[in-house]
Amino acid sequence: MTEADVVEISYKMIMLIIKCSAPLLLVSLIVGLIISIFQTVTSIQEQTLTFVPKLIAIFVTLLLAGGWIMNNCKDFLTELCQSFAAYVN
């Protein structure tokens, strides 16, 4: 296994992490922004108000995108295991 192989695997892993976490982070960002706008308009300054809606939104997004995330992780692991012999030499 060369340094180039390690860099390639690391790059693919980081891209997978970014791709799989993007839907959850975007939903959290959007819900947080909506709640912040609501708090500004209504002058409610409760810090814990954003926690429950974000938690519910992330849970729903995980239910909807969970299969896609698992398929991406499974494909990466399958590719890594199939090329294991090439990395050992």
PDB file of N, CA and C in Angstrom:
ATOM      1  N   MET A   1       0.847  -1.168   0.000  1.00  0.00           N
ATOM      2  CA  MET A   1       0.000   0.000   0.000  1.00  0.00           C
ATOM      3  C   MET A   1       0.898   1.237   0.000  1.00  0.00           C
ATOM      4  N   THR A   2       0.683   2.074  -0.972  1.00  0.00           N
ATOM      5  CA  THR A   2       1.497   3.272  -1.097  1.00  0.00           C
ATOM      6  C   THR A   2       0.803   4.456  -0.417  1.00  0.00           C
ATOM      7  N   GLU A   3       1.533   5.531  -0.339  1.00  0.00           N
ATOM      8  CA  GLU A   3       0.961   6.752   0.225  1.00  0.00           C
ATOM      9  C   GLU A   3      -0.183   7.257  -0.636  1.00  0.00           C
ATOM     10  N   ALA A   4      -0.078   7.069  -1.942  1.00  0.00           N
ATOM     11  CA  ALA A   4      -1.146   7.496  -2.850  1.00  0.00           C
ATOM     12  C   ALA A   4      -2.431   6.723  -2.577  1.00  0.00           C
ATOM     13  N   ASP A   5      -2.304   5.441  -2.251  1.00  0.00           N
ATOM     14  CA  ASP A   5      -3.488   4.638  -1.922  1.00  0.00           C
ATOM     15  C   ASP A   5      -4.157   5.150  -0.649  1.00  0.00           C
ATOM     16  N   VAL A   6      -3.348   5.470   0.343  1.00  0.00           N
ATOM     17  CA  VAL A   6      -3.881   5.981   1.601  1.00  0.00           C
ATOM     18  C   VAL A   6      -4.581   7.314   1.381  1.00  0.00           C
ATOM     19  N   VAL A   7      -3.977   8.182   0.583  1.00  0.00           N
ATOM     20  CA  VAL A   7      -4.574   9.480   0.296  1.00  0.00           C
ATOM     21  C   VAL A   7      -5.881   9.303  -0.482  1.00  0.00           C
ATOM     22  N   GLU A   8      -5.900   8.387  -1.426  1.00  0.00           N
ATOM     23  CA  GLU A   8      -7.115   8.150  -2.212  1.00  0.00           C
ATOM     24  C   GLU A   8      -8.245   7.613  -1.340  1.00  0.00           C
ATOM     25  N   ILE A   9      -7.936   6.643  -0.482  1.00  0.00           N
ATOM     26  CA  ILE A   9      -8.958   6.091   0.407  1.00  0.00           C
ATOM     27  C   ILE A   9      -9.456   7.164   1.376  1.00  0.00           C
ATOM     28  N   SER A  10      -8.538   7.950   1.904  1.00  0.00           N
ATOM     29  CA  SER A  10      -8.923   9.026   2.825  1.00  0.00           C
ATOM     30  C   SER A  10      -9.796  10.056   2.132  1.00  0.00           C
ATOM     31  N   TYR A  11      -9.455  10.406   0.910  1.00  0.00           N
ATOM     32  CA  TYR A  11     -10.249  11.369   0.145  1.00  0.00           C
ATOM     33  C   TYR A  11     -11.658  10.835  -0.097  1.00  0.00           C
ATOM     34  N   LYS A  12     -11.753   9.574  -0.518  1.00  0.00           N
ATOM     35  CA  LYS A  12     -13.070   8.972  -0.752  1.00  0.00           C
ATOM     36  C   LYS A  12     -13.891   8.919   0.533  1.00  0.00           C
ATOM     37  N   MET A  13     -13.235   8.620   1.651  1.00  0.00           N
ATOM     38  CA  MET A  13     -13.937   8.537   2.928  1.00  0.00           C
ATOM     39  C   MET A  13     -14.455   9.907   3.358  1.00  0.00           C
ATOM     40  N   ILE A  14     -13.641  10.930   3.195  1.00  0.00           N
ATOM     41  CA  ILE A  14     -14.064  12.278   3.572  1.00  0.00           C
ATOM     42  C   ILE A  14     -15.217  12.742   2.680  1.00  0.00           C
ATOM     43  N   MET A  15     -15.143  12.446   1.390  1.00  0.00           N
ATOM     44  CA  MET A  15     -16.237  12.811   0.490  1.00  0.00           C
ATOM     45  C   MET A  15     -17.527  12.070   0.854  1.00  0.00           C
ATOM     46  N   LEU A  16     -17.397  10.815   1.265  1.00  0.00           N
ATOM     47  CA  LEU A  16     -18.561  10.046   1.696  1.00  0.00           C
ATOM     48  C   LEU A  16     -19.171  10.661   2.954  1.00  0.00           C
ATOM     49  N   ILE A  17     -18.344  11.052   3.891  1.00  0.00           N
ATOM     50  CA  ILE A  17     -18.839  11.678   5.115  1.00  0.00           C
ATOM     51  C   ILE A  17     -19.571  12.972   4.796  1.00  0.00           C
ATOM     52  N   ILE A  18     -19.005  13.780   3.924  1.00  0.00           N
ATOM     53  CA  ILE A  18     -19.648  15.042   3.547  1.00  0.00           C
ATOM     54  C   ILE A  18     -20.967  14.785   2.830  1.00  0.00           C
ATOM     55  N   LYS A  19     -20.956  13.830   1.897  1.00  0.00           N
ATOM     56  CA  LYS A  19     -22.166  13.535   1.128  1.00  0.00           C
ATOM     57  C   LYS A  19     -23.275  12.977   2.018  1.00  0.00           C
ATOM     58  N   CYS A  20     -22.920  12.140   2.970  1.00  0.00           N
ATOM     59  CA  CYS A  20     -23.935  11.513   3.821  1.00  0.00           C
ATOM     60  C   CYS A  20     -24.434  12.447   4.925  1.00  0.00           C
ATOM     61  N   SER A  21     -23.611  13.364   5.370  1.00  0.00           N
ATOM     62  CA  SER A  21     -24.046  14.268   6.431  1.00  0.00           C
ATOM     63  C   SER A  21     -24.722  15.526   5.891  1.00  0.00           C
ATOM     64  N   ALA A  22     -24.584  15.801   4.611  1.00  0.00           N
ATOM     65  CA  ALA A  22     -25.143  17.029   4.039  1.00  0.00           C
ATOM     66  C   ALA A  22     -26.662  17.157   4.215  1.00  0.00           C
ATOM     67  N   PRO A  23     -27.455  16.112   3.941  1.00  0.00           N
ATOM     68  CA  PRO A  23     -28.907  16.290   4.125  1.00  0.00           C
ATOM     69  C   PRO A  23     -29.284  16.642   5.559  1.00  0.00           C
ATOM     70  N   LEU A  24     -28.673  15.993   6.528  1.00  0.00           N
ATOM     71  CA  LEU A  24     -28.993  16.270   7.930  1.00  0.00           C
ATOM     72  C   LEU A  24     -28.560  17.675   8.331  1.00  0.00           C
ATOM     73  N   LEU A  25     -27.387  18.087   7.878  1.00  0.00           N
ATOM     74  CA  LEU A  25     -26.908  19.425   8.221  1.00  0.00           C
ATOM     75  C   LEU A  25     -27.734  20.512   7.552  1.00  0.00           C
ATOM     76  N   LEU A  26     -28.137  20.287   6.309  1.00  0.00           N
ATOM     77  CA  LEU A  26     -28.958  21.280   5.611  1.00  0.00           C
ATOM     78  C   LEU A  26     -30.323  21.433   6.262  1.00  0.00           C
ATOM     79  N   VAL A  27     -30.939  20.315   6.635  1.00  0.00           N
ATOM     80  CA  VAL A  27     -32.240  20.388   7.305  1.00  0.00           C
ATOM     81  C   VAL A  27     -32.104  21.114   8.639  1.00  0.00           C
ATOM     82  N   SER A  28     -31.060  20.808   9.389  1.00  0.00           N
ATOM     83  CA  SER A  28     -30.832  21.478  10.661  1.00  0.00           C
ATOM     84  C   SER A  28     -30.622  22.983  10.466  1.00  0.00           C
ATOM     85  N   LEU A  29     -29.874  23.327   9.436  1.00  0.00           N
ATOM     86  CA  LEU A  29     -29.633  24.740   9.139  1.00  0.00           C
ATOM     87  C   LEU A  29     -30.920  25.464   8.768  1.00  0.00           C
ATOM     88  N   ILE A  30     -31.725  24.855   7.910  1.00  0.00           N
ATOM     89  CA  ILE A  30     -32.968  25.481   7.459  1.00  0.00           C
ATOM     90  C   ILE A  30     -33.949  25.633   8.617  1.00  0.00           C
ATOM     91  N   VAL A  31     -34.113  24.588   9.411  1.00  0.00           N
ATOM     92  CA  VAL A  31     -35.026  24.662  10.556  1.00  0.00           C
ATOM     93  C   VAL A  31     -34.531  25.708  11.560  1.00  0.00           C
ATOM     94  N   GLY A  32     -33.244  25.735  11.822  1.00  0.00           N
ATOM     95  CA  GLY A  32     -32.691  26.738  12.724  1.00  0.00           C
ATOM     96  C   GLY A  32     -32.911  28.153  12.232  1.00  0.00           C
ATOM     97  N   LEU A  33     -32.757  28.346  10.924  1.00  0.00           N
ATOM     98  CA  LEU A  33     -32.986  29.672  10.340  1.00  0.00           C
ATOM     99  C   LEU A  33     -34.447  30.086  10.460  1.00  0.00           C
ATOM    100  N   ILE A  34     -35.356  29.158  10.179  1.00  0.00           N
ATOM    101  CA  ILE A  34     -36.791  29.464  10.280  1.00  0.00           C
ATOM    102  C   ILE A  34     -37.164  29.799  11.722  1.00  0.00           C
ATOM    103  N   ILE A  35     -36.670  29.013  12.665  1.00  0.00           N
ATOM    104  CA  ILE A  35     -36.970  29.272  14.074  1.00  0.00           C
ATOM    105  C   ILE A  35     -36.361  30.605  14.513  1.00  0.00           C
ATOM    106  N   SER A  36     -35.162  30.921  14.041  1.00  0.00           N
ATOM    107  CA  SER A  36     -34.528  32.200  14.393  1.00  0.00           C
ATOM    108  C   SER A  36     -35.334  33.376  13.862  1.00  0.00           C
ATOM    109  N   ILE A  37     -35.823  33.245  12.634  1.00  0.00           N
ATOM    110  CA  ILE A  37     -36.669  34.311  12.070  1.00  0.00           C
ATOM    111  C   ILE A  37     -37.950  34.444  12.882  1.00  0.00           C
ATOM    112  N   PHE A  38     -38.554  33.312  13.254  1.00  0.00           N
ATOM    113  CA  PHE A  38     -39.765  33.328  14.079  1.00  0.00           C
ATOM    114  C   PHE A  38     -39.493  33.994  15.423  1.00  0.00           C
ATOM    115  N   GLN A  39     -38.361  33.684  16.036  1.00  0.00           N
ATOM    116  CA  GLN A  39     -38.014  34.292  17.320  1.00  0.00           C
ATOM    117  C   GLN A  39     -37.797  35.796  17.190  1.00  0.00           C
ATOM    118  N   THR A  40     -37.197  36.206  16.085  1.00  0.00           N
ATOM    119  CA  THR A  40     -36.956  37.633  15.873  1.00  0.00           C
ATOM    120  C   THR A  40     -38.260  38.385  15.671  1.00  0.00           C
ATOM    121  N   VAL A  41     -39.166  37.796  14.892  1.00  0.00           N
ATOM    122  CA  VAL A  41     -40.440  38.453  14.601  1.00  0.00           C
ATOM    123  C   VAL A  41     -41.304  38.547  15.854  1.00  0.00           C
ATOM    124  N   THR A  42     -41.314  37.503  16.655  1.00  0.00           N
ATOM    125  CA  THR A  42     -42.186  37.483  17.840  1.00  0.00           C
ATOM    126  C   THR A  42     -41.496  37.966  19.107  1.00  0.00           C
ATOM    127  N   SER A  43     -40.231  38.310  19.038  1.00  0.00           N
ATOM    128  CA  SER A  43     -39.439  38.774  20.177  1.00  0.00           C
ATOM    129  C   SER A  43     -39.356  37.746  21.301  1.00  0.00           C
ATOM    130  N   ILE A  44     -39.445  36.470  20.945  1.00  0.00           N
ATOM    131  CA  ILE A  44     -39.250  35.397  21.931  1.00  0.00           C
ATOM    132  C   ILE A  44     -37.764  35.071  21.934  1.00  0.00           C
ATOM    133  N   GLN A  45     -37.130  35.181  23.076  1.00  0.00           N
ATOM    134  CA  GLN A  45     -35.701  34.940  23.170  1.00  0.00           C
ATOM    135  C   GLN A  45     -35.385  33.692  23.988  1.00  0.00           C
ATOM    136  N   GLU A  46     -36.088  32.632  23.729  1.00  0.00           N
ATOM    137  CA  GLU A  46     -35.858  31.370  24.432  1.00  0.00           C
ATOM    138  C   GLU A  46     -34.826  30.556  23.653  1.00  0.00           C
ATOM    139  N   GLN A  47     -33.704  30.236  24.290  1.00  0.00           N
ATOM    140  CA  GLN A  47     -32.609  29.538  23.617  1.00  0.00           C
ATOM    141  C   GLN A  47     -32.944  28.085  23.323  1.00  0.00           C
ATOM    142  N   THR A  48     -33.788  27.470  24.125  1.00  0.00           N
ATOM    143  CA  THR A  48     -34.097  26.051  23.949  1.00  0.00           C
ATOM    144  C   THR A  48     -35.201  25.809  22.929  1.00  0.00           C
ATOM    145  N   LEU A  49     -35.782  26.860  22.383  1.00  0.00           N
ATOM    146  CA  LEU A  49     -36.893  26.718  21.445  1.00  0.00           C
ATOM    147  C   LEU A  49     -36.476  26.013  20.154  1.00  0.00           C
ATOM    148  N   THR A  50     -35.248  26.154  19.740  1.00  0.00           N
ATOM    149  CA  THR A  50     -34.809  25.544  18.479  1.00  0.00           C
ATOM    150  C   THR A  50     -34.475  24.072  18.622  1.00  0.00           C
ATOM    151  N   PHE A  51     -34.264  23.590  19.828  1.00  0.00           N
ATOM    152  CA  PHE A  51     -33.785  22.226  20.018  1.00  0.00           C
ATOM    153  C   PHE A  51     -34.789  21.173  19.558  1.00  0.00           C
ATOM    154  N   VAL A  52     -36.016  21.246  20.017  1.00  0.00           N
ATOM    155  CA  VAL A  52     -37.012  20.210  19.704  1.00  0.00           C
ATOM    156  C   VAL A  52     -37.366  20.194  18.217  1.00  0.00           C
ATOM    157  N   PRO A  53     -37.647  21.328  17.578  1.00  0.00           N
ATOM    158  CA  PRO A  53     -37.937  21.263  16.136  1.00  0.00           C
ATOM    159  C   PRO A  53     -36.776  20.723  15.307  1.00  0.00           C
ATOM    160  N   LYS A  54     -35.546  21.105  15.682  1.00  0.00           N
ATOM    161  CA  LYS A  54     -34.381  20.576  14.966  1.00  0.00           C
ATOM    162  C   LYS A  54     -34.264  19.075  15.157  1.00  0.00           C
ATOM    163  N   LEU A  55     -34.475  18.611  16.366  1.00  0.00           N
ATOM    164  CA  LEU A  55     -34.398  17.187  16.667  1.00  0.00           C
ATOM    165  C   LEU A  55     -35.435  16.401  15.872  1.00  0.00           C
ATOM    166  N   ILE A  56     -36.650  16.903  15.817  1.00  0.00           N
ATOM    167  CA  ILE A  56     -37.708  16.232  15.056  1.00  0.00           C
ATOM    168  C   ILE A  56     -37.389  16.254  13.565  1.00  0.00           C
ATOM    169  N   ALA A  57     -36.936  17.389  13.056  1.00  0.00           N
ATOM    170  CA  ALA A  57     -36.616  17.503  11.628  1.00  0.00           C
ATOM    171  C   ALA A  57     -35.463  16.580  11.244  1.00  0.00           C
ATOM    172  N   ILE A  58     -34.455  16.490  12.077  1.00  0.00           N
ATOM    173  CA  ILE A  58     -33.325  15.607  11.791  1.00  0.00           C
ATOM    174  C   ILE A  58     -33.768  14.148  11.842  1.00  0.00           C
ATOM    175  N   PHE A  59     -34.622  13.810  12.802  1.00  0.00           N
ATOM    176  CA  PHE A  59     -35.129  12.444  12.904  1.00  0.00           C
ATOM    177  C   PHE A  59     -35.928  12.067  11.659  1.00  0.00           C
ATOM    178  N   VAL A  60     -36.794  12.959  11.195  1.00  0.00           N
ATOM    179  CA  VAL A  60     -37.587  12.685   9.981  1.00  0.00           C
ATOM    180  C   VAL A  60     -36.672  12.570   8.768  1.00  0.00           C
ATOM    181  N   THR A  61     -35.690  13.444   8.668  1.00  0.00           N
ATOM    182  CA  THR A  61     -34.740  13.380   7.554  1.00  0.00           C
ATOM    183  C   THR A  61     -33.944  12.082   7.590  1.00  0.00           C
ATOM    184  N   LEU A  62     -33.563  11.650   8.777  1.00  0.00           N
ATOM    185  CA  LEU A  62     -32.842  10.385   8.914  1.00  0.00           C
ATOM    186  C   LEU A  62     -33.723   9.207   8.506  1.00  0.00           C
ATOM    187  N   LEU A  63     -35.003   9.273   8.825  1.00  0.00           N
ATOM    188  CA  LEU A  63     -35.925   8.222   8.382  1.00  0.00           C
ATOM    189  C   LEU A  63     -36.044   8.195   6.863  1.00  0.00           C
ATOM    190  N   LEU A  64     -36.097   9.371   6.256  1.00  0.00           N
ATOM    191  CA  LEU A  64     -36.262   9.450   4.804  1.00  0.00           C
ATOM    192  C   LEU A  64     -34.972   9.136   4.048  1.00  0.00           C
ATOM    193  N   ALA A  65     -33.839   9.599   4.560  1.00  0.00           N
ATOM    194  CA  ALA A  65     -32.573   9.446   3.846  1.00  0.00           C
ATOM    195  C   ALA A  65     -31.695   8.341   4.416  1.00  0.00           C
ATOM    196  N   GLY A  66     -32.169   7.641   5.430  1.00  0.00           N
ATOM    197  CA  GLY A  66     -31.358   6.620   6.069  1.00  0.00           C
ATOM    198  C   GLY A  66     -30.946   5.491   5.144  1.00  0.00           C
ATOM    199  N   GLY A  67     -31.871   5.048   4.302  1.00  0.00           N
ATOM    200  CA  GLY A  67     -31.550   3.990   3.347  1.00  0.00           C
ATOM    201  C   GLY A  67     -30.481   4.415   2.358  1.00  0.00           C
ATOM    202  N   TRP A  68     -30.589   5.643   1.882  1.00  0.00           N
ATOM    203  CA  TRP A  68     -29.605   6.177   0.938  1.00  0.00           C
ATOM    204  C   TRP A  68     -28.226   6.280   1.595  1.00  0.00           C
ATOM    205  N   ILE A  69     -28.204   6.740   2.850  1.00  0.00           N
ATOM    206  CA  ILE A  69     -26.941   6.853   3.571  1.00  0.00           C
ATOM    207  C   ILE A  69     -26.320   5.473   3.774  1.00  0.00           C
ATOM    208  N   MET A  70     -27.130   4.509   4.174  1.00  0.00           N
ATOM    209  CA  MET A  70     -26.621   3.151   4.395  1.00  0.00           C
ATOM    210  C   MET A  70     -26.118   2.521   3.095  1.00  0.00           C
ATOM    211  N   ASN A  71     -26.819   2.763   1.989  1.00  0.00           N
ATOM    212  CA  ASN A  71     -26.364   2.235   0.693  1.00  0.00           C
ATOM    213  C   ASN A  71     -25.011   2.828   0.305  1.00  0.00           C
ATOM    214  N   ASN A  72     -24.834   4.107   0.527  1.00  0.00           N
ATOM    215  CA  ASN A  72     -23.546   4.737   0.221  1.00  0.00           C
ATOM    216  C   ASN A  72     -22.430   4.150   1.081  1.00  0.00           C
ATOM    217  N   CYS A  73     -22.701   3.967   2.364  1.00  0.00           N
ATOM    218  CA  CYS A  73     -21.688   3.386   3.257  1.00  0.00           C
ATOM    219  C   CYS A  73     -21.392   1.936   2.888  1.00  0.00           C
ATOM    220  N   LYS A  74     -22.433   1.190   2.535  1.00  0.00           N
ATOM    221  CA  LYS A  74     -22.258  -0.207   2.142  1.00  0.00           C
ATOM    222  C   LYS A  74     -21.444  -0.304   0.859  1.00  0.00           C
ATOM    223  N   ASP A  75     -21.742   0.555  -0.111  1.00  0.00           N
ATOM    224  CA  ASP A  75     -20.995   0.547  -1.370  1.00  0.00           C
ATOM    225  C   ASP A  75     -19.517   0.869  -1.142  1.00  0.00           C
ATOM    226  N   PHE A  76     -19.242   1.835  -0.273  1.00  0.00           N
ATOM    227  CA  PHE A  76     -17.854   2.193   0.023  1.00  0.00           C
ATOM    228  C   PHE A  76     -17.126   1.033   0.697  1.00  0.00           C
ATOM    229  N   LEU A  77     -17.786   0.413   1.666  1.00  0.00           N
ATOM    230  CA  LEU A  77     -17.158  -0.703   2.366  1.00  0.00           C
ATOM    231  C   LEU A  77     -16.958  -1.896   1.442  1.00  0.00           C
ATOM    232  N   THR A  78     -17.918  -2.148   0.565  1.00  0.00           N
ATOM    233  CA  THR A  78     -17.785  -3.244  -0.398  1.00  0.00           C
ATOM    234  C   THR A  78     -16.614  -2.997  -1.339  1.00  0.00           C
ATOM    235  N   GLU A  79     -16.502  -1.774  -1.830  1.00  0.00           N
ATOM    236  CA  GLU A  79     -15.387  -1.419  -2.715  1.00  0.00           C
ATOM    237  C   GLU A  79     -14.051  -1.550  -1.993  1.00  0.00           C
ATOM    238  N   LEU A  80     -14.022  -1.137  -0.743  1.00  0.00           N
ATOM    239  CA  LEU A  80     -12.793  -1.221   0.049  1.00  0.00           C
ATOM    240  C   LEU A  80     -12.401  -2.676   0.304  1.00  0.00           C
ATOM    241  N   CYS A  81     -13.374  -3.513   0.619  1.00  0.00           N
ATOM    242  CA  CYS A  81     -13.085  -4.929   0.888  1.00  0.00           C
ATOM    243  C   CYS A  81     -12.679  -5.675  -0.381  1.00  0.00           C
ATOM    244  N   GLN A  82     -13.283  -5.317  -1.509  1.00  0.00           N
ATOM    245  CA  GLN A  82     -12.941  -5.981  -2.767  1.00  0.00           C
ATOM    246  C   GLN A  82     -11.529  -5.640  -3.219  1.00  0.00           C
ATOM    247  N   SER A  83     -11.060  -4.465  -2.901  1.00  0.00           N
ATOM    248  CA  SER A  83      -9.716  -4.071  -3.309  1.00  0.00           C
ATOM    249  C   SER A  83      -8.699  -4.280  -2.186  1.00  0.00           C
ATOM    250  N   PHE A  84      -9.086  -5.007  -1.152  1.00  0.00           N
ATOM    251  CA  PHE A  84      -8.208  -5.251  -0.017  1.00  0.00           C
ATOM    252  C   PHE A  84      -6.922  -5.967  -0.429  1.00  0.00           C
ATOM    253  N   ALA A  85      -7.041  -6.940  -1.320  1.00  0.00           N
ATOM    254  CA  ALA A  85      -5.867  -7.705  -1.741  1.00  0.00           C
ATOM    255  C   ALA A  85      -4.843  -6.799  -2.435  1.00  0.00           C
ATOM    256  N   ALA A  86      -5.307  -5.834  -3.190  1.00  0.00           N
ATOM    257  CA  ALA A  86      -4.394  -4.925  -3.865  1.00  0.00           C
ATOM    258  C   ALA A  86      -3.672  -4.016  -2.869  1.00  0.00           C
ATOM    259  N   TYR A  87      -4.345  -3.692  -1.755  1.00  0.00           N
ATOM    260  CA  TYR A  87      -3.724  -2.813  -0.778  1.00  0.00           C
ATOM    261  C   TYR A  87      -2.714  -3.539   0.099  1.00  0.00           C
ATOM    262  N   VAL A  88      -2.891  -4.844   0.269  1.00  0.00           N
ATOM    263  CA  VAL A  88      -1.985  -5.599   1.146  1.00  0.00           C
ATOM    264  C   VAL A  88      -0.623  -5.765   0.495  1.00  0.00           C
ATOM    265  N   ASN A  89      -0.600  -5.963  -0.808  1.00  0.00           N
ATOM    266  CA  ASN A  89       0.681  -6.186  -1.513  1.00  0.00           C
ATOM    267  C   ASN A  89       1.526  -4.962  -1.559  1.00  0.00           C
TER     268      ASN A  89
END
